[in-house]
Amino acid sequence: MLDTSDDIHPLFEGAPKSTEFRKLRKRLVRSVREAVEQYGMIEPGARWLVCLSGGKDSYTLLAVLYELKWRGLLPVDLLACNLDQGQPGFPATVLPEFLERMTVPHRIEYQDTYSIVMDKIPQGRTFCALCSRLRRGNLYRIAREEGCSAVVLGHHRDDILETFFMNLFHGGRLATMPPKLVNEEGDLFLYRPLAHVAEEDCAKFAAAMQYPIIPCDLCGSQDGLQRQQVKAILDQWEINSPGRRQVMFRALMNARPSHLLDPELFDFAGLSVK
């Protein structure tokens, strides 16, 4: 992996030359490539709408996808997209300037969903769910307008684990964010290429590359959210038993319906003995 301007995409210019960073970069590329191949995300000639929030995860996603494309391992067109939802204090010039400097094709869309959420959700209630639905609807619309076949999100391994435990603790079901999904209308894919990537690796990578991070609390910090509570539990488990997150993640890839209790997934009534 060379790091001169003649050999790489501008997203990687100035990358640290340390052995530690090279190992990190290699690990990220390998993990994303595995997810893309394992879940059948590649459609040659397709166009992907890569959603960019300005956080560490989306910057990592964009950079690794361009690395794979540069290597000839991702034969799709990439269009970066930021949806400015009108949060007070959002630094609207950061991402356009960054993407222009990096020569990344992009679309910046302004939709004031923040005001809608604040109007609809009572004081003291969490508004992440409604905000997410409005954001997703706009991203699907933009993908259609731009001729994209997939909306690509920066959710990583830890997001997937947290969602699993939120569904387990609060929803009474075994479910999480899948790496690949078809939207309700049936006309777009939703991909999560960072599915195998640890949040810690995203943080290390974005910090090392000094990408201009936009804070994720512009809409107001809401203490006590279910996701924050689950994250705290997982953090403590990881402290007590390092590597537990990865063990739990592997379990999501090793489901055994015959050893669960859902008769819709396994025909318990049809079991017979010799």
Protein backbone atom coordinates (compact mmCIF):
# COMPACT_ATOMS: atom_id res chain seq x y z
CA MET A 1 0.00 0.00 0.00
CA LEU A 2 1.72 3.14 -1.20
CA ASP A 3 0.96 6.56 0.19
CA THR A 4 2.19 9.02 -2.42
CA SER A 5 -0.26 11.23 -4.25
CA ASP A 6 0.43 9.32 -7.51
CA ASP A 7 -0.64 5.99 -6.07
CA ILE A 8 -3.68 6.59 -3.92
CA HIS A 9 -6.97 8.40 -3.75
CA PRO A 10 -6.79 11.82 -2.05
CA LEU A 11 -8.75 10.36 0.89
CA PHE A 12 -5.54 8.62 1.93
CA GLU A 13 -3.05 11.40 1.33
CA GLY A 14 -0.93 11.99 4.41
CA ALA A 15 -1.80 8.63 5.95
CA PRO A 16 0.52 7.67 8.82
CA LYS A 17 3.31 5.37 7.75
CA SER A 18 3.52 3.51 11.04
CA THR A 19 3.24 -0.26 11.15
CA GLU A 20 0.30 0.03 13.54
CA PHE A 21 -1.69 2.21 11.13
CA ARG A 22 -0.90 -0.03 8.17
CA LYS A 23 -2.20 -3.03 10.09
CA LEU A 24 -5.34 -1.10 11.00
CA ARG A 25 -5.93 -0.04 7.42
CA LYS A 26 -5.37 -3.59 6.18
CA ARG A 27 -7.78 -4.95 8.80
CA LEU A 28 -10.48 -2.46 7.80
CA VAL A 29 -10.13 -3.22 4.11
CA ARG A 30 -10.20 -6.98 4.73
CA SER A 31 -13.26 -6.78 6.98
CA VAL A 32 -15.25 -4.64 4.54
CA ARG A 33 -14.28 -6.81 1.60
CA GLU A 34 -15.41 -9.91 3.48
CA ALA A 35 -18.78 -8.36 4.30
CA VAL A 36 -19.31 -7.14 0.74
CA GLU A 37 -18.55 -10.58 -0.68
CA GLN A 38 -20.22 -12.65 2.04
CA TYR A 39 -23.55 -10.84 1.77
CA GLY A 40 -23.55 -10.43 -2.00
CA MET A 41 -23.48 -6.65 -2.20
CA ILE A 42 -21.65 -6.26 -5.50
CA GLU A 43 -23.65 -5.70 -8.65
CA PRO A 44 -21.18 -4.74 -11.42
CA GLY A 45 -22.08 -1.38 -12.90
CA ALA A 46 -24.31 -0.39 -9.99
CA ARG A 47 -24.30 3.01 -8.31
CA TRP A 48 -24.24 3.36 -4.53
CA LEU A 49 -25.41 6.31 -2.45
CA VAL A 50 -22.86 6.41 0.39
CA CYS A 51 -24.38 8.26 3.33
CA LEU A 52 -21.96 10.61 5.05
CA SER A 53 -22.88 12.18 8.40
CA GLY A 54 -19.46 13.59 9.22
CA GLY A 55 -18.88 11.12 12.04
CA LYS A 56 -15.95 8.73 12.38
CA ASP A 57 -17.93 5.76 11.04
CA SER A 58 -19.10 7.36 7.80
CA TYR A 59 -15.63 8.77 7.06
CA THR A 60 -14.16 5.31 7.56
CA LEU A 61 -16.82 3.79 5.33
CA LEU A 62 -16.15 6.27 2.52
CA ALA A 63 -12.37 5.85 2.67
CA VAL A 64 -12.43 2.04 2.71
CA LEU A 65 -14.93 1.84 -0.14
CA TYR A 66 -12.66 4.08 -2.22
CA GLU A 67 -9.68 1.91 -1.29
CA LEU A 68 -11.50 -1.17 -2.57
CA LYS A 69 -12.58 0.67 -5.71
CA TRP A 70 -8.99 1.86 -6.29
CA ARG A 71 -7.80 -1.74 -6.03
CA GLY A 72 -10.37 -2.87 -8.59
CA LEU A 73 -12.31 -4.91 -6.00
CA LEU A 74 -15.48 -2.81 -5.98
CA PRO A 75 -16.82 -2.31 -9.53
CA VAL A 76 -19.51 0.22 -8.64
CA ASP A 77 -19.90 4.00 -8.84
CA LEU A 78 -19.92 5.83 -5.52
CA LEU A 79 -21.88 9.00 -4.77
CA ALA A 80 -21.36 10.47 -1.31
CA CYS A 81 -24.41 12.13 0.20
CA ASN A 82 -24.93 14.27 3.27
CA LEU A 83 -28.44 15.08 4.48
CA ASP A 84 -28.43 18.32 6.44
CA GLN A 85 -31.47 17.92 8.70
CA GLY A 86 -31.46 21.45 10.04
CA GLN A 87 -30.04 20.82 13.50
CA PRO A 88 -29.05 24.07 15.18
CA GLY A 89 -25.31 24.66 14.92
CA PHE A 90 -24.69 22.15 12.13
CA PRO A 91 -21.47 23.22 10.34
CA ALA A 92 -22.90 23.12 6.82
CA THR A 93 -19.65 23.93 5.01
CA VAL A 94 -17.46 21.20 6.53
CA LEU A 95 -18.52 18.25 4.39
CA PRO A 96 -18.87 20.07 1.04
CA GLU A 97 -15.39 21.55 1.42
CA PHE A 98 -13.93 18.19 2.47
CA LEU A 99 -15.54 16.29 -0.41
CA GLU A 100 -14.47 18.91 -2.95
CA ARG A 101 -10.90 18.75 -1.67
CA MET A 102 -10.95 14.95 -1.84
CA THR A 103 -12.44 15.01 -5.37
CA VAL A 104 -15.31 12.81 -4.21
CA PRO A 105 -18.54 13.06 -6.26
CA HIS A 106 -21.26 14.12 -3.86
CA ARG A 107 -24.67 15.59 -3.24
CA ILE A 108 -25.55 17.79 -0.28
CA GLU A 109 -29.27 17.88 0.53
CA TYR A 110 -31.00 20.20 2.98
CA GLN A 111 -34.26 19.03 4.56
CA ASP A 112 -35.40 20.53 7.86
CA THR A 113 -36.61 17.34 9.52
CA TYR A 114 -35.35 18.67 12.87
CA SER A 115 -38.28 21.09 13.15
CA ILE A 116 -40.75 18.33 12.30
CA VAL A 117 -39.35 16.06 15.00
CA MET A 118 -39.35 18.82 17.62
CA ASP A 119 -42.98 19.62 16.76
CA LYS A 120 -44.21 16.01 16.83
CA ILE A 121 -42.37 14.55 19.83
CA PRO A 122 -43.46 15.67 23.33
CA GLN A 123 -40.89 17.26 25.62
CA GLY A 124 -38.83 14.64 27.44
CA ARG A 125 -39.49 11.86 24.93
CA THR A 126 -36.73 10.48 22.72
CA PHE A 127 -36.97 11.49 19.09
CA CYS A 128 -34.32 9.29 17.48
CA ALA A 129 -36.86 6.88 15.93
CA LEU A 130 -38.86 9.56 14.09
CA CYS A 131 -35.70 11.39 13.06
CA SER A 132 -34.29 8.15 11.63
CA ARG A 133 -37.48 7.39 9.66
CA LEU A 134 -37.53 10.86 8.13
CA ARG A 135 -33.85 10.65 7.27
CA ARG A 136 -34.23 7.22 5.69
CA GLY A 137 -37.18 8.37 3.58
CA ASN A 138 -35.20 11.30 2.20
CA LEU A 139 -32.19 9.10 1.46
CA TYR A 140 -34.34 6.66 -0.48
CA ARG A 141 -35.77 9.55 -2.49
CA ILE A 142 -32.30 10.90 -3.26
CA ALA A 143 -31.08 7.43 -4.27
CA ARG A 144 -33.92 7.13 -6.78
CA GLU A 145 -33.28 10.60 -8.16
CA GLU A 146 -29.58 9.82 -8.62
CA GLY A 147 -30.12 6.42 -10.23
CA CYS A 148 -28.61 4.51 -7.31
CA SER A 149 -29.54 0.90 -6.61
CA ALA A 150 -28.35 0.91 -2.98
CA VAL A 151 -28.21 3.18 0.06
CA VAL A 152 -25.00 2.47 1.97
CA LEU A 153 -24.80 3.18 5.72
CA GLY A 154 -21.92 3.31 8.18
CA HIS A 155 -23.30 1.04 10.92
CA HIS A 156 -20.52 -1.12 12.36
CA ARG A 157 -20.27 -4.31 14.42
CA ASP A 158 -20.99 -2.56 17.72
CA ASP A 159 -24.12 -0.86 16.32
CA ILE A 160 -25.37 -4.27 15.21
CA LEU A 161 -24.72 -5.82 18.63
CA GLU A 162 -26.37 -2.94 20.46
CA THR A 163 -29.46 -3.22 18.25
CA PHE A 164 -29.63 -6.96 18.91
CA PHE A 165 -29.65 -6.44 22.68
CA MET A 166 -32.13 -3.55 22.44
CA ASN A 167 -34.51 -5.88 20.61
CA LEU A 168 -33.81 -8.63 23.14
CA PHE A 169 -34.28 -6.47 26.25
CA HIS A 170 -37.01 -4.13 25.06
CA GLY A 171 -38.62 -5.63 21.95
CA GLY A 172 -38.93 -9.28 22.91
CA ARG A 173 -37.43 -10.54 19.65
CA LEU A 174 -34.15 -11.83 18.24
CA ALA A 175 -33.34 -9.32 15.51
CA THR A 176 -30.76 -6.73 14.56
CA MET A 177 -29.52 -4.57 11.67
CA PRO A 178 -28.78 -6.93 8.75
CA PRO A 179 -25.79 -6.21 6.49
CA LYS A 180 -28.09 -6.34 3.46
CA LEU A 181 -31.77 -5.45 3.25
CA VAL A 182 -34.38 -4.57 0.65
CA ASN A 183 -36.51 -1.52 1.47
CA GLU A 184 -40.26 -1.83 1.98
CA GLU A 185 -40.98 -0.57 -1.53
CA GLY A 186 -38.74 -3.31 -2.91
CA ASP A 187 -36.76 -1.07 -5.25
CA LEU A 188 -33.57 -0.36 -3.28
CA PHE A 189 -30.95 -2.28 -1.36
CA LEU A 190 -29.64 -1.08 1.98
CA TYR A 191 -26.04 -2.12 2.68
CA ARG A 192 -23.88 -1.99 5.81
CA PRO A 193 -20.34 -2.83 4.62
CA LEU A 194 -18.84 -2.05 8.06
CA ALA A 195 -20.81 -4.92 9.60
CA HIS A 196 -17.62 -6.77 10.64
CA VAL A 197 -15.72 -3.64 11.74
CA ALA A 198 -15.28 -2.71 15.41
CA GLU A 199 -16.23 0.83 16.45
CA GLU A 200 -12.82 1.21 18.08
CA ASP A 201 -11.12 0.68 14.72
CA CYS A 202 -13.29 3.36 13.09
CA ALA A 203 -12.32 5.79 15.84
CA LYS A 204 -8.61 5.03 15.52
CA PHE A 205 -8.68 5.32 11.74
CA ALA A 206 -10.60 8.62 11.57
CA ALA A 207 -8.41 10.15 14.27
CA ALA A 208 -5.20 9.05 12.54
CA MET A 209 -6.39 10.51 9.23
CA GLN A 210 -7.51 13.74 10.99
CA TYR A 211 -10.82 13.83 9.17
CA PRO A 212 -13.00 16.84 10.15
CA ILE A 213 -15.39 15.11 12.58
CA ILE A 214 -18.80 16.68 13.13
CA PRO A 215 -20.15 15.95 16.65
CA CYS A 216 -23.19 13.68 16.82
CA ASP A 217 -24.97 15.58 19.63
CA LEU A 218 -26.11 18.62 17.65
CA CYS A 219 -29.76 17.66 18.11
CA GLY A 220 -29.36 17.64 21.86
CA SER A 221 -27.96 14.92 24.11
CA GLN A 222 -30.68 12.69 25.56
CA ASP A 223 -29.31 10.88 28.58
CA GLY A 224 -30.75 7.50 29.45
CA LEU A 225 -31.55 6.37 25.93
CA GLN A 226 -31.94 2.62 25.58
CA ARG A 227 -28.98 2.41 23.21
CA GLN A 228 -26.72 4.24 25.66
CA GLN A 229 -27.76 1.86 28.42
CA VAL A 230 -27.06 -1.20 26.27
CA LYS A 231 -23.73 0.26 25.17
CA ALA A 232 -22.72 0.73 28.82
CA ILE A 233 -23.55 -2.93 29.53
CA LEU A 234 -21.51 -4.14 26.56
CA ASP A 235 -18.61 -1.87 27.54
CA GLN A 236 -18.55 -3.38 31.02
CA TRP A 237 -18.70 -6.92 29.66
CA GLU A 238 -15.79 -6.12 27.35
CA ILE A 239 -13.77 -4.78 30.28
CA ASN A 240 -14.50 -7.89 32.34
CA SER A 241 -13.84 -10.27 29.46
CA PRO A 242 -11.87 -8.75 26.54
CA GLY A 243 -13.03 -10.07 23.19
CA ARG A 244 -16.58 -10.79 24.33
CA ARG A 245 -18.08 -8.42 21.75
CA GLN A 246 -16.54 -10.42 18.92
CA VAL A 247 -17.71 -13.71 20.42
CA MET A 248 -21.27 -12.38 20.64
CA PHE A 249 -21.07 -11.05 17.09
CA ARG A 250 -20.01 -14.47 15.81
CA ALA A 251 -23.07 -15.91 17.53
CA LEU A 252 -25.28 -13.77 15.27
CA MET A 253 -23.68 -15.57 12.33
CA ASN A 254 -24.24 -19.02 13.86
CA ALA A 255 -27.98 -19.27 14.57
CA ARG A 256 -29.46 -22.73 15.19
CA PRO A 257 -33.25 -22.62 14.79
CA SER A 258 -33.61 -26.16 16.19
CA HIS A 259 -32.13 -24.92 19.46
CA LEU A 260 -34.38 -21.89 19.81
CA LEU A 261 -38.14 -21.73 20.45
CA ASP A 262 -39.68 -20.30 17.28
CA PRO A 263 -42.01 -22.86 15.61
CA GLU A 264 -42.11 -20.65 12.51
CA LEU A 265 -38.39 -21.25 11.97
CA PHE A 266 -38.24 -24.92 12.91
CA ASP A 267 -40.88 -27.65 12.64
CA PHE A 268 -40.89 -28.90 16.21
CA ALA A 269 -44.31 -30.49 15.77
CA GLY A 270 -43.02 -32.52 12.82
CA LEU A 271 -40.12 -34.04 14.75
CA SER A 272 -40.23 -37.82 14.94
CA VAL A 273 -38.14 -40.66 16.28
CA LYS A 274 -37.21 -43.93 14.64
